[in-house]
Amino acid sequence: MGLARTFKLSLTFIALFVLIAACGPSPLEEARELVPIGTPRDDAIRILSETSWYHQPCPNVITIDDLFFFGSRKYDRADVVIVRSEPVEGIFIVYDISSFEPYAWHAAYRDCLQRNMFED
């Protein structure tokens, strides 16, 4: 009886540990903690490039969207964090940090991405 109870208790602790590990911050939450709005774009790129596996700048007419990819390297499963910057007195400054569901960013950024950076 004592051994069975110890085994159940061990399984409970293992399950709790797995749940805590799985409940860590998402890449978006982590990016928002690390890069406050108003951060210079170059600093944001340096900070997020430390943990992302792929960074792709996507310039617009005036602003720049920087895409940072985390997690899976599969095109349909990768987590994306989008950092939007605008010029302020000659320096690009972060004004928004967001994300998309996979198929939404596929459409919005299809002409900007290097598809060969992803696994099949």
PDB file of N, CA and C in Angstrom:
ATOM      1  N   MET A   1       0.829  -1.196   0.000  1.00  0.00           N
ATOM      2  CA  MET A   1       0.000   0.000   0.000  1.00  0.00           C
ATOM      3  C   MET A   1       0.867   1.250   0.000  1.00  0.00           C
ATOM      4  N   GLY A   2       1.938   1.271   0.783  1.00  0.00           N
ATOM      5  CA  GLY A   2       2.814   2.426   0.843  1.00  0.00           C
ATOM      6  C   GLY A   2       3.520   2.679  -0.475  1.00  0.00           C
ATOM      7  N   LEU A   3       3.941   1.602  -1.146  1.00  0.00           N
ATOM      8  CA  LEU A   3       4.629   1.740  -2.420  1.00  0.00           C
ATOM      9  C   LEU A   3       3.685   2.284  -3.491  1.00  0.00           C
ATOM     10  N   ALA A   4       2.451   1.814  -3.517  1.00  0.00           N
ATOM     11  CA  ALA A   4       1.464   2.293  -4.490  1.00  0.00           C
ATOM     12  C   ALA A   4       1.173   3.776  -4.270  1.00  0.00           C
ATOM     13  N   ARG A   5       1.086   4.176  -3.015  1.00  0.00           N
ATOM     14  CA  ARG A   5       0.801   5.583  -2.708  1.00  0.00           C
ATOM     15  C   ARG A   5       1.984   6.471  -3.124  1.00  0.00           C
ATOM     16  N   THR A   6       3.201   6.010  -2.886  1.00  0.00           N
ATOM     17  CA  THR A   6       4.400   6.747  -3.290  1.00  0.00           C
ATOM     18  C   THR A   6       4.452   6.881  -4.811  1.00  0.00           C
ATOM     19  N   PHE A   7       4.100   5.819  -5.518  1.00  0.00           N
ATOM     20  CA  PHE A   7       4.083   5.839  -6.972  1.00  0.00           C
ATOM     21  C   PHE A   7       3.067   6.862  -7.486  1.00  0.00           C
ATOM     22  N   LYS A   8       1.861   6.858  -6.913  1.00  0.00           N
ATOM     23  CA  LYS A   8       0.818   7.818  -7.324  1.00  0.00           C
ATOM     24  C   LYS A   8       1.258   9.247  -7.040  1.00  0.00           C
ATOM     25  N   LEU A   9       1.885   9.449  -5.895  1.00  0.00           N
ATOM     26  CA  LEU A   9       2.367  10.782  -5.541  1.00  0.00           C
ATOM     27  C   LEU A   9       3.453  11.236  -6.512  1.00  0.00           C
ATOM     28  N   SER A  10       4.340  10.332  -6.893  1.00  0.00           N
ATOM     29  CA  SER A  10       5.392  10.655  -7.863  1.00  0.00           C
ATOM     30  C   SER A  10       4.789  11.032  -9.211  1.00  0.00           C
ATOM     31  N   LEU A  11       3.801  10.264  -9.654  1.00  0.00           N
ATOM     32  CA  LEU A  11       3.133  10.575 -10.923  1.00  0.00           C
ATOM     33  C   LEU A  11       2.445  11.935 -10.861  1.00  0.00           C
ATOM     34  N   THR A  12       1.859  12.254  -9.731  1.00  0.00           N
ATOM     35  CA  THR A  12       1.201  13.553  -9.558  1.00  0.00           C
ATOM     36  C   THR A  12       2.212  14.692  -9.687  1.00  0.00           C
ATOM     37  N   PHE A  13       3.382  14.540  -9.051  1.00  0.00           N
ATOM     38  CA  PHE A  13       4.415  15.573  -9.147  1.00  0.00           C
ATOM     39  C   PHE A  13       4.944  15.707 -10.570  1.00  0.00           C
ATOM     40  N   ILE A  14       5.112  14.606 -11.261  1.00  0.00           N
ATOM     41  CA  ILE A  14       5.573  14.654 -12.651  1.00  0.00           C
ATOM     42  C   ILE A  14       4.544  15.370 -13.518  1.00  0.00           C
ATOM     43  N   ALA A  15       3.276  15.033 -13.352  1.00  0.00           N
ATOM     44  CA  ALA A  15       2.215  15.683 -14.127  1.00  0.00           C
ATOM     45  C   ALA A  15       2.169  17.182 -13.837  1.00  0.00           C
ATOM     46  N   LEU A  16       2.320  17.548 -12.576  1.00  0.00           N
ATOM     47  CA  LEU A  16       2.320  18.958 -12.191  1.00  0.00           C
ATOM     48  C   LEU A  16       3.497  19.690 -12.823  1.00  0.00           C
ATOM     49  N   PHE A  17       4.662  19.073 -12.823  1.00  0.00           N
ATOM     50  CA  PHE A  17       5.846  19.673 -13.433  1.00  0.00           C
ATOM     51  C   PHE A  17       5.633  19.895 -14.927  1.00  0.00           C
ATOM     52  N   VAL A  18       5.062  18.908 -15.609  1.00  0.00           N
ATOM     53  CA  VAL A  18       4.801  19.027 -17.051  1.00  0.00           C
ATOM     54  C   VAL A  18       3.805  20.151 -17.315  1.00  0.00           C
ATOM     55  N   LEU A  19       2.786  20.258 -16.510  1.00  0.00           N
ATOM     56  CA  LEU A  19       1.795  21.328 -16.680  1.00  0.00           C
ATOM     57  C   LEU A  19       2.418  22.703 -16.469  1.00  0.00           C
ATOM     58  N   ILE A  20       3.244  22.838 -15.468  1.00  0.00           N
ATOM     59  CA  ILE A  20       3.891  24.126 -15.205  1.00  0.00           C
ATOM     60  C   ILE A  20       4.804  24.495 -16.362  1.00  0.00           C
ATOM     61  N   ALA A  21       5.547  23.537 -16.870  1.00  0.00           N
ATOM     62  CA  ALA A  21       6.449  23.806 -17.997  1.00  0.00           C
ATOM     63  C   ALA A  21       5.665  24.200 -19.232  1.00  0.00           C
ATOM     64  N   ALA A  22       4.517  23.564 -19.458  1.00  0.00           N
ATOM     65  CA  ALA A  22       3.696  23.861 -20.634  1.00  0.00           C
ATOM     66  C   ALA A  22       2.987  25.206 -20.517  1.00  0.00           C
ATOM     67  N   CYS A  23       2.844  25.709 -19.326  1.00  0.00           N
ATOM     68  CA  CYS A  23       2.118  26.958 -19.109  1.00  0.00           C
ATOM     69  C   CYS A  23       3.041  28.168 -19.105  1.00  0.00           C
ATOM     70  N   GLY A  24       4.249  28.013 -19.619  1.00  0.00           N
ATOM     71  CA  GLY A  24       5.171  29.141 -19.688  1.00  0.00           C
ATOM     72  C   GLY A  24       4.619  30.208 -20.618  1.00  0.00           C
ATOM     73  N   PRO A  25       5.250  31.365 -20.616  1.00  0.00           N
ATOM     74  CA  PRO A  25       4.746  32.442 -21.458  1.00  0.00           C
ATOM     75  C   PRO A  25       4.859  32.092 -22.943  1.00  0.00           C
ATOM     76  N   SER A  26       3.907  32.555 -23.715  1.00  0.00           N
ATOM     77  CA  SER A  26       3.955  32.364 -25.162  1.00  0.00           C
ATOM     78  C   SER A  26       5.043  33.266 -25.739  1.00  0.00           C
ATOM     79  N   PRO A  27       5.495  32.998 -26.947  1.00  0.00           N
ATOM     80  CA  PRO A  27       6.480  33.892 -27.558  1.00  0.00           C
ATOM     81  C   PRO A  27       5.996  35.349 -27.619  1.00  0.00           C
ATOM     82  N   LEU A  28       4.715  35.559 -27.854  1.00  0.00           N
ATOM     83  CA  LEU A  28       4.171  36.914 -27.889  1.00  0.00           C
ATOM     84  C   LEU A  28       4.256  37.579 -26.519  1.00  0.00           C
ATOM     85  N   GLU A  29       3.861  36.854 -25.485  1.00  0.00           N
ATOM     86  CA  GLU A  29       3.938  37.414 -24.133  1.00  0.00           C
ATOM     87  C   GLU A  29       5.374  37.737 -23.751  1.00  0.00           C
ATOM     88  N   GLU A  30       6.273  36.832 -24.090  1.00  0.00           N
ATOM     89  CA  GLU A  30       7.679  37.044 -23.769  1.00  0.00           C
ATOM     90  C   GLU A  30       8.238  38.252 -24.532  1.00  0.00           C
ATOM     91  N   ALA A  31       7.885  38.375 -25.805  1.00  0.00           N
ATOM     92  CA  ALA A  31       8.350  39.515 -26.605  1.00  0.00           C
ATOM     93  C   ALA A  31       7.851  40.831 -26.018  1.00  0.00           C
ATOM     94  N   ARG A  32       6.597  40.839 -25.585  1.00  0.00           N
ATOM     95  CA  ARG A  32       6.046  42.068 -25.000  1.00  0.00           C
ATOM     96  C   ARG A  32       6.725  42.429 -23.687  1.00  0.00           C
ATOM     97  N   GLU A  33       7.196  41.432 -22.951  1.00  0.00           N
ATOM     98  CA  GLU A  33       7.935  41.706 -21.716  1.00  0.00           C
ATOM     99  C   GLU A  33       9.340  42.222 -22.010  1.00  0.00           C
ATOM    100  N   LEU A  34       9.972  41.654 -23.035  1.00  0.00           N
ATOM    101  CA  LEU A  34      11.359  41.994 -23.340  1.00  0.00           C
ATOM    102  C   LEU A  34      11.516  43.291 -24.131  1.00  0.00           C
ATOM    103  N   VAL A  35      10.506  43.624 -24.924  1.00  0.00           N
ATOM    104  CA  VAL A  35      10.599  44.774 -25.829  1.00  0.00           C
ATOM    105  C   VAL A  35       9.411  45.704 -25.587  1.00  0.00           C
ATOM    106  N   PRO A  36       9.568  46.690 -24.738  1.00  0.00           N
ATOM    107  CA  PRO A  36       8.473  47.629 -24.507  1.00  0.00           C
ATOM    108  C   PRO A  36       8.217  48.509 -25.741  1.00  0.00           C
ATOM    109  N   ILE A  37       6.997  48.938 -25.901  1.00  0.00           N
ATOM    110  CA  ILE A  37       6.668  49.908 -26.953  1.00  0.00           C
ATOM    111  C   ILE A  37       7.564  51.122 -26.739  1.00  0.00           C
ATOM    112  N   GLY A  38       8.124  51.637 -27.836  1.00  0.00           N
ATOM    113  CA  GLY A  38       9.028  52.773 -27.746  1.00  0.00           C
ATOM    114  C   GLY A  38      10.489  52.380 -27.825  1.00  0.00           C
ATOM    115  N   THR A  39      10.767  51.064 -27.854  1.00  0.00           N
ATOM    116  CA  THR A  39      12.130  50.572 -27.984  1.00  0.00           C
ATOM    117  C   THR A  39      12.631  50.829 -29.403  1.00  0.00           C
ATOM    118  N   PRO A  40      13.881  51.228 -29.576  1.00  0.00           N
ATOM    119  CA  PRO A  40      14.423  51.332 -30.930  1.00  0.00           C
ATOM    120  C   PRO A  40      14.378  49.970 -31.633  1.00  0.00           C
ATOM    121  N   ARG A  41      14.050  49.985 -32.915  1.00  0.00           N
ATOM    122  CA  ARG A  41      13.926  48.746 -33.702  1.00  0.00           C
ATOM    123  C   ARG A  41      15.198  47.903 -33.635  1.00  0.00           C
ATOM    124  N   ASP A  42      16.351  48.514 -33.766  1.00  0.00           N
ATOM    125  CA  ASP A  42      17.607  47.752 -33.733  1.00  0.00           C
ATOM    126  C   ASP A  42      17.765  46.982 -32.426  1.00  0.00           C
ATOM    127  N   ASP A  43      17.353  47.577 -31.320  1.00  0.00           N
ATOM    128  CA  ASP A  43      17.418  46.894 -30.019  1.00  0.00           C
ATOM    129  C   ASP A  43      16.428  45.732 -29.981  1.00  0.00           C
ATOM    130  N   ALA A  44      15.223  45.945 -30.513  1.00  0.00           N
ATOM    131  CA  ALA A  44      14.215  44.879 -30.543  1.00  0.00           C
ATOM    132  C   ALA A  44      14.717  43.689 -31.360  1.00  0.00           C
ATOM    133  N   ILE A  45      15.335  43.965 -32.499  1.00  0.00           N
ATOM    134  CA  ILE A  45      15.868  42.890 -33.339  1.00  0.00           C
ATOM    135  C   ILE A  45      16.943  42.122 -32.587  1.00  0.00           C
ATOM    136  N   ARG A  46      17.831  42.823 -31.939  1.00  0.00           N
ATOM    137  CA  ARG A  46      18.909  42.168 -31.185  1.00  0.00           C
ATOM    138  C   ARG A  46      18.343  41.280 -30.080  1.00  0.00           C
ATOM    139  N   ILE A  47      17.377  41.797 -29.348  1.00  0.00           N
ATOM    140  CA  ILE A  47      16.795  41.066 -28.216  1.00  0.00           C
ATOM    141  C   ILE A  47      16.043  39.819 -28.677  1.00  0.00           C
ATOM    142  N   LEU A  48      15.162  39.972 -29.668  1.00  0.00           N
ATOM    143  CA  LEU A  48      14.321  38.846 -30.086  1.00  0.00           C
ATOM    144  C   LEU A  48      15.077  37.835 -30.943  1.00  0.00           C
ATOM    145  N   SER A  49      16.144  38.269 -31.587  1.00  0.00           N
ATOM    146  CA  SER A  49      16.943  37.335 -32.383  1.00  0.00           C
ATOM    147  C   SER A  49      17.693  36.342 -31.501  1.00  0.00           C
ATOM    148  N   GLU A  50      17.844  36.649 -30.238  1.00  0.00           N
ATOM    149  CA  GLU A  50      18.524  35.726 -29.320  1.00  0.00           C
ATOM    150  C   GLU A  50      17.737  34.442 -29.102  1.00  0.00           C
ATOM    151  N   THR A  51      16.397  34.513 -29.206  1.00  0.00           N
ATOM    152  CA  THR A  51      15.586  33.323 -28.932  1.00  0.00           C
ATOM    153  C   THR A  51      14.773  32.838 -30.135  1.00  0.00           C
ATOM    154  N   SER A  52      14.642  33.643 -31.170  1.00  0.00           N
ATOM    155  CA  SER A  52      13.896  33.202 -32.349  1.00  0.00           C
ATOM    156  C   SER A  52      14.830  32.404 -33.261  1.00  0.00           C
ATOM    157  N   TRP A  53      14.261  31.564 -34.103  1.00  0.00           N
ATOM    158  CA  TRP A  53      15.098  30.805 -35.028  1.00  0.00           C
ATOM    159  C   TRP A  53      15.137  31.437 -36.410  1.00  0.00           C
ATOM    160  N   TYR A  54      14.313  32.443 -36.644  1.00  0.00           N
ATOM    161  CA  TYR A  54      14.301  33.115 -37.950  1.00  0.00           C
ATOM    162  C   TYR A  54      13.731  34.508 -37.776  1.00  0.00           C
ATOM    163  N   HIS A  55      14.405  35.489 -38.367  1.00  0.00           N
ATOM    164  CA  HIS A  55      13.937  36.877 -38.362  1.00  0.00           C
ATOM    165  C   HIS A  55      13.837  37.330 -39.808  1.00  0.00           C
ATOM    166  N   GLN A  56      12.694  37.905 -40.164  1.00  0.00           N
ATOM    167  CA  GLN A  56      12.500  38.405 -41.521  1.00  0.00           C
ATOM    168  C   GLN A  56      11.950  39.827 -41.475  1.00  0.00           C
ATOM    169  N   PRO A  57      12.725  40.823 -41.918  1.00  0.00           N
ATOM    170  CA  PRO A  57      12.182  42.173 -42.028  1.00  0.00           C
ATOM    171  C   PRO A  57      11.277  42.271 -43.254  1.00  0.00           C
ATOM    172  N   CYS A  58      10.166  42.975 -43.093  1.00  0.00           N
ATOM    173  CA  CYS A  58       9.218  43.180 -44.190  1.00  0.00           C
ATOM    174  C   CYS A  58       8.892  44.675 -44.258  1.00  0.00           C
ATOM    175  N   PRO A  59       9.653  45.432 -45.056  1.00  0.00           N
ATOM    176  CA  PRO A  59       9.419  46.870 -45.136  1.00  0.00           C
ATOM    177  C   PRO A  59       8.105  47.188 -45.848  1.00  0.00           C
ATOM    178  N   ASN A  60       7.442  48.202 -45.360  1.00  0.00           N
ATOM    179  CA  ASN A  60       6.237  48.734 -45.982  1.00  0.00           C
ATOM    180  C   ASN A  60       6.604  50.088 -46.583  1.00  0.00           C
ATOM    181  N   VAL A  61       5.634  50.875 -46.963  1.00  0.00           N
ATOM    182  CA  VAL A  61       5.914  52.187 -47.552  1.00  0.00           C
ATOM    183  C   VAL A  61       6.648  53.084 -46.557  1.00  0.00           C
ATOM    184  N   ILE A  62       6.155  53.160 -45.333  1.00  0.00           N
ATOM    185  CA  ILE A  62       6.770  54.012 -44.313  1.00  0.00           C
ATOM    186  C   ILE A  62       7.270  53.194 -43.126  1.00  0.00           C
ATOM    187  N   THR A  63       6.527  52.200 -42.729  1.00  0.00           N
ATOM    188  CA  THR A  63       6.854  51.402 -41.542  1.00  0.00           C
ATOM    189  C   THR A  63       7.597  50.127 -41.930  1.00  0.00           C
ATOM    190  N   ILE A  64       8.046  49.389 -40.920  1.00  0.00           N
ATOM    191  CA  ILE A  64       8.682  48.084 -41.126  1.00  0.00           C
ATOM    192  C   ILE A  64       8.054  47.088 -40.166  1.00  0.00           C
ATOM    193  N   ASP A  65       7.678  45.927 -40.697  1.00  0.00           N
ATOM    194  CA  ASP A  65       7.227  44.808 -39.874  1.00  0.00           C
ATOM    195  C   ASP A  65       8.377  43.811 -39.816  1.00  0.00           C
ATOM    196  N   ASP A  66       8.814  43.479 -38.615  1.00  0.00           N
ATOM    197  CA  ASP A  66       9.831  42.449 -38.419  1.00  0.00           C
ATOM    198  C   ASP A  66       9.138  41.214 -37.883  1.00  0.00           C
ATOM    199  N   LEU A  67       9.288  40.103 -38.589  1.00  0.00           N
ATOM    200  CA  LEU A  67       8.686  38.842 -38.179  1.00  0.00           C
ATOM    201  C   LEU A  67       9.752  37.984 -37.509  1.00  0.00           C
ATOM    202  N   PHE A  68       9.421  37.480 -36.338  1.00  0.00           N
ATOM    203  CA  PHE A  68      10.301  36.590 -35.584  1.00  0.00           C
ATOM    204  C   PHE A  68       9.558  35.274 -35.393  1.00  0.00           C
ATOM    205  N   PHE A  69      10.238  34.172 -35.713  1.00  0.00           N
ATOM    206  CA  PHE A  69       9.602  32.865 -35.642  1.00  0.00           C
ATOM    207  C   PHE A  69      10.173  32.048 -34.488  1.00  0.00           C
ATOM    208  N   PHE A  70       9.262  31.367 -33.798  1.00  0.00           N
ATOM    209  CA  PHE A  70       9.583  30.581 -32.606  1.00  0.00           C
ATOM    210  C   PHE A  70       8.928  29.217 -32.718  1.00  0.00           C
ATOM    211  N   GLY A  71       9.379  28.306 -31.880  1.00  0.00           N
ATOM    212  CA  GLY A  71       8.739  26.987 -31.802  1.00  0.00           C
ATOM    213  C   GLY A  71       9.023  26.148 -33.022  1.00  0.00           C
ATOM    214  N   SER A  72       7.989  25.565 -33.566  1.00  0.00           N
ATOM    215  CA  SER A  72       8.116  24.654 -34.701  1.00  0.00           C
ATOM    216  C   SER A  72       8.730  25.364 -35.906  1.00  0.00           C
ATOM    217  N   ARG A  73       9.511  24.616 -36.657  1.00  0.00           N
ATOM    218  CA  ARG A  73      10.094  25.142 -37.902  1.00  0.00           C
ATOM    219  C   ARG A  73       9.241  24.778 -39.112  1.00  0.00           C
ATOM    220  N   LYS A  74       8.093  24.184 -38.861  1.00  0.00           N
ATOM    221  CA  LYS A  74       7.159  23.842 -39.937  1.00  0.00           C
ATOM    222  C   LYS A  74       6.344  25.086 -40.290  1.00  0.00           C
ATOM    223  N   TYR A  75       6.158  25.282 -41.573  1.00  0.00           N
ATOM    224  CA  TYR A  75       5.462  26.471 -42.085  1.00  0.00           C
ATOM    225  C   TYR A  75       4.064  26.620 -41.492  1.00  0.00           C
ATOM    226  N   ASP A  76       3.372  25.515 -41.313  1.00  0.00           N
ATOM    227  CA  ASP A  76       1.994  25.567 -40.822  1.00  0.00           C
ATOM    228  C   ASP A  76       1.881  25.570 -39.303  1.00  0.00           C
ATOM    229  N   ARG A  77       3.016  25.493 -38.585  1.00  0.00           N
ATOM    230  CA  ARG A  77       2.952  25.401 -37.127  1.00  0.00           C
ATOM    231  C   ARG A  77       3.785  26.442 -36.397  1.00  0.00           C
ATOM    232  N   ALA A  78       4.614  27.163 -37.108  1.00  0.00           N
ATOM    233  CA  ALA A  78       5.512  28.117 -36.458  1.00  0.00           C
ATOM    234  C   ALA A  78       4.719  29.232 -35.773  1.00  0.00           C
ATOM    235  N   ASP A  79       5.221  29.655 -34.623  1.00  0.00           N
ATOM    236  CA  ASP A  79       4.660  30.808 -33.920  1.00  0.00           C
ATOM    237  C   ASP A  79       5.378  32.053 -34.420  1.00  0.00           C
ATOM    238  N   VAL A  80       4.624  33.082 -34.757  1.00  0.00           N
ATOM    239  CA  VAL A  80       5.219  34.313 -35.269  1.00  0.00           C
ATOM    240  C   VAL A  80       4.919  35.462 -34.311  1.00  0.00           C
ATOM    241  N   VAL A  81       5.919  36.294 -34.098  1.00  0.00           N
ATOM    242  CA  VAL A  81       5.749  37.553 -33.376  1.00  0.00           C
ATOM    243  C   VAL A  81       6.075  38.653 -34.376  1.00  0.00           C
ATOM    244  N   ILE A  82       5.177  39.609 -34.509  1.00  0.00           N
ATOM    245  CA  ILE A  82       5.332  40.700 -35.473  1.00  0.00           C
ATOM    246  C   ILE A  82       5.602  41.980 -34.706  1.00  0.00           C
ATOM    247  N   VAL A  83       6.754  42.570 -34.983  1.00  0.00           N
ATOM    248  CA  VAL A  83       7.151  43.817 -34.340  1.00  0.00           C
ATOM    249  C   VAL A  83       7.052  44.914 -35.397  1.00  0.00           C
ATOM    250  N   ARG A  84       6.175  45.878 -35.156  1.00  0.00           N
ATOM    251  CA  ARG A  84       5.970  46.973 -36.107  1.00  0.00           C
ATOM    252  C   ARG A  84       6.694  48.219 -35.608  1.00  0.00           C
ATOM    253  N   SER A  85       7.453  48.826 -36.522  1.00  0.00           N
ATOM    254  CA  SER A  85       8.225  50.025 -36.182  1.00  0.00           C
ATOM    255  C   SER A  85       7.910  51.139 -37.172  1.00  0.00           C
ATOM    256  N   GLU A  86       8.010  52.367 -36.678  1.00  0.00           N
ATOM    257  CA  GLU A  86       7.796  53.540 -37.521  1.00  0.00           C
ATOM    258  C   GLU A  86       8.921  54.533 -37.262  1.00  0.00           C
ATOM    259  N   PRO A  87       9.232  55.351 -38.257  1.00  0.00           N
ATOM    260  CA  PRO A  87      10.315  56.322 -38.067  1.00  0.00           C
ATOM    261  C   PRO A  87       9.885  57.471 -37.156  1.00  0.00           C
ATOM    262  N   VAL A  88      10.730  57.757 -36.188  1.00  0.00           N
ATOM    263  CA  VAL A  88      10.527  58.892 -35.285  1.00  0.00           C
ATOM    264  C   VAL A  88      11.868  59.620 -35.217  1.00  0.00           C
ATOM    265  N   GLU A  89      11.886  60.815 -35.759  1.00  0.00           N
ATOM    266  CA  GLU A  89      13.107  61.625 -35.772  1.00  0.00           C
ATOM    267  C   GLU A  89      14.296  60.842 -36.334  1.00  0.00           C
ATOM    268  N   GLY A  90      14.055  60.113 -37.422  1.00  0.00           N
ATOM    269  CA  GLY A  90      15.121  59.413 -38.110  1.00  0.00           C
ATOM    270  C   GLY A  90      15.489  58.048 -37.571  1.00  0.00           C
ATOM    271  N   ILE A  91      14.831  57.595 -36.514  1.00  0.00           N
ATOM    272  CA  ILE A  91      15.114  56.276 -35.933  1.00  0.00           C
ATOM    273  C   ILE A  91      13.817  55.474 -35.918  1.00  0.00           C
ATOM    274  N   PHE A  92      13.884  54.214 -36.334  1.00  0.00           N
ATOM    275  CA  PHE A  92      12.685  53.375 -36.280  1.00  0.00           C
ATOM    276  C   PHE A  92      12.450  52.929 -34.838  1.00  0.00           C
ATOM    277  N   ILE A  93      11.207  53.165 -34.382  1.00  0.00           N
ATOM    278  CA  ILE A  93      10.801  52.881 -33.005  1.00  0.00           C
ATOM    279  C   ILE A  93       9.625  51.892 -33.031  1.00  0.00           C
ATOM    280  N   VAL A  94       9.657  50.910 -32.148  1.00  0.00           N
ATOM    281  CA  VAL A  94       8.581  49.920 -32.046  1.00  0.00           C
ATOM    282  C   VAL A  94       7.301  50.596 -31.555  1.00  0.00           C
ATOM    283  N   TYR A  95       6.209  50.378 -32.313  1.00  0.00           N
ATOM    284  CA  TYR A  95       4.914  50.915 -31.889  1.00  0.00           C
ATOM    285  C   TYR A  95       3.856  49.837 -31.676  1.00  0.00           C
ATOM    286  N   ASP A  96       4.159  48.575 -32.048  1.00  0.00           N
ATOM    287  CA  ASP A  96       3.191  47.501 -31.844  1.00  0.00           C
ATOM    288  C   ASP A  96       3.907  46.161 -31.869  1.00  0.00           C
ATOM    289  N   ILE A  97       3.456  45.249 -31.017  1.00  0.00           N
ATOM    290  CA  ILE A  97       3.945  43.873 -31.019  1.00  0.00           C
ATOM    291  C   ILE A  97       2.718  42.974 -30.993  1.00  0.00           C
ATOM    292  N   SER A  98       2.595  42.121 -32.017  1.00  0.00           N
ATOM    293  CA  SER A  98       1.391  41.304 -32.147  1.00  0.00           C
ATOM    294  C   SER A  98       1.740  39.947 -32.733  1.00  0.00           C
ATOM    295  N   SER A  99       0.714  39.186 -33.056  1.00  0.00           N
ATOM    296  CA  SER A  99       0.893  37.879 -33.662  1.00  0.00           C
ATOM    297  C   SER A  99      -0.312  37.595 -34.549  1.00  0.00           C
ATOM    298  N   PHE A 100      -0.220  36.545 -35.319  1.00  0.00           N
ATOM    299  CA  PHE A 100      -1.307  36.074 -36.179  1.00  0.00           C
ATOM    300  C   PHE A 100      -1.420  34.575 -36.018  1.00  0.00           C
ATOM    301  N   GLU A 101      -2.575  34.058 -36.353  1.00  0.00           N
ATOM    302  CA  GLU A 101      -2.711  32.622 -36.511  1.00  0.00           C
ATOM    303  C   GLU A 101      -1.923  32.239 -37.762  1.00  0.00           C
ATOM    304  N   PRO A 102      -1.427  31.009 -37.851  1.00  0.00           N
ATOM    305  CA  PRO A 102      -0.569  30.657 -38.985  1.00  0.00           C
ATOM    306  C   PRO A 102      -1.119  31.025 -40.358  1.00  0.00           C
ATOM    307  N   TYR A 103      -2.336  30.700 -40.653  1.00  0.00           N
ATOM    308  CA  TYR A 103      -2.819  30.944 -42.012  1.00  0.00           C
ATOM    309  C   TYR A 103      -3.041  32.424 -42.289  1.00  0.00           C
ATOM    310  N   ALA A 104      -3.210  33.228 -41.262  1.00  0.00           N
ATOM    311  CA  ALA A 104      -3.354  34.668 -41.472  1.00  0.00           C
ATOM    312  C   ALA A 104      -2.018  35.290 -41.860  1.00  0.00           C
ATOM    313  N   TRP A 105      -0.934  34.910 -41.173  1.00  0.00           N
ATOM    314  CA  TRP A 105       0.358  35.490 -41.560  1.00  0.00           C
ATOM    315  C   TRP A 105       0.844  34.934 -42.880  1.00  0.00           C
ATOM    316  N   HIS A 106       0.443  33.723 -43.237  1.00  0.00           N
ATOM    317  CA  HIS A 106       0.806  33.168 -44.545  1.00  0.00           C
ATOM    318  C   HIS A 106       0.320  34.092 -45.654  1.00  0.00           C
ATOM    319  N   ALA A 107      -0.905  34.543 -45.533  1.00  0.00           N
ATOM    320  CA  ALA A 107      -1.484  35.408 -46.565  1.00  0.00           C
ATOM    321  C   ALA A 107      -0.897  36.815 -46.501  1.00  0.00           C
ATOM    322  N   ALA A 108      -0.782  37.357 -45.309  1.00  0.00           N
ATOM    323  CA  ALA A 108      -0.337  38.744 -45.163  1.00  0.00           C
ATOM    324  C   ALA A 108       1.125  38.937 -45.566  1.00  0.00           C
ATOM    325  N   TYR A 109       1.961  37.944 -45.362  1.00  0.00           N
ATOM    326  CA  TYR A 109       3.402  38.097 -45.591  1.00  0.00           C
ATOM    327  C   TYR A 109       3.968  37.137 -46.633  1.00  0.00           C
ATOM    328  N   ARG A 110       3.141  36.579 -47.473  1.00  0.00           N
ATOM    329  CA  ARG A 110       3.603  35.562 -48.430  1.00  0.00           C
ATOM    330  C   ARG A 110       4.692  36.071 -49.373  1.00  0.00           C
ATOM    331  N   ASP A 111       4.668  37.355 -49.725  1.00  0.00           N
ATOM    332  CA  ASP A 111       5.664  37.896 -50.650  1.00  0.00           C
ATOM    333  C   ASP A 111       6.949  38.318 -49.951  1.00  0.00           C
ATOM    334  N   CYS A 112       6.970  38.260 -48.645  1.00  0.00           N
ATOM    335  CA  CYS A 112       8.119  38.724 -47.876  1.00  0.00           C
ATOM    336  C   CYS A 112       8.981  37.578 -47.347  1.00  0.00           C
ATOM    337  N   LEU A 113       8.376  36.448 -47.074  1.00  0.00           N
ATOM    338  CA  LEU A 113       9.073  35.337 -46.423  1.00  0.00           C
ATOM    339  C   LEU A 113       9.972  34.551 -47.361  1.00  0.00           C
ATOM    340  N   GLN A 114      11.012  34.009 -46.809  1.00  0.00           N
ATOM    341  CA  GLN A 114      11.854  33.052 -47.524  1.00  0.00           C
ATOM    342  C   GLN A 114      11.368  31.665 -47.128  1.00  0.00           C
ATOM    343  N   ARG A 115      10.555  31.082 -47.942  1.00  0.00           N
ATOM    344  CA  ARG A 115       9.911  29.806 -47.637  1.00  0.00           C
ATOM    345  C   ARG A 115      10.933  28.707 -47.351  1.00  0.00           C
ATOM    346  N   ASN A 116      12.127  28.806 -47.919  1.00  0.00           N
ATOM    347  CA  ASN A 116      13.140  27.757 -47.712  1.00  0.00           C
ATOM    348  C   ASN A 116      13.674  27.758 -46.275  1.00  0.00           C
ATOM    349  N   MET A 117      13.328  28.735 -45.469  1.00  0.00           N
ATOM    350  CA  MET A 117      13.747  28.766 -44.060  1.00  0.00           C
ATOM    351  C   MET A 117      12.926  27.796 -43.219  1.00  0.00           C
ATOM    352  N   PHE A 118      11.824  27.303 -43.767  1.00  0.00           N
ATOM    353  CA  PHE A 118      10.929  26.414 -43.044  1.00  0.00           C
ATOM    354  C   PHE A 118      11.126  24.970 -43.482  1.00  0.00           C
ATOM    355  N   GLU A 119      10.828  24.050 -42.577  1.00  0.00           N
ATOM    356  CA  GLU A 119      10.828  22.634 -42.921  1.00  0.00           C
ATOM    357  C   GLU A 119       9.535  22.309 -43.647  1.00  0.00           C
ATOM    358  N   ASP A 120       9.551  21.253 -44.422  1.00  0.00           N
ATOM    359  CA  ASP A 120       8.324  20.821 -45.129  1.00  0.00           C
ATOM    360  C   ASP A 120       7.343  20.190 -44.200  1.00  0.00           C
TER     361      ASP A 120
END
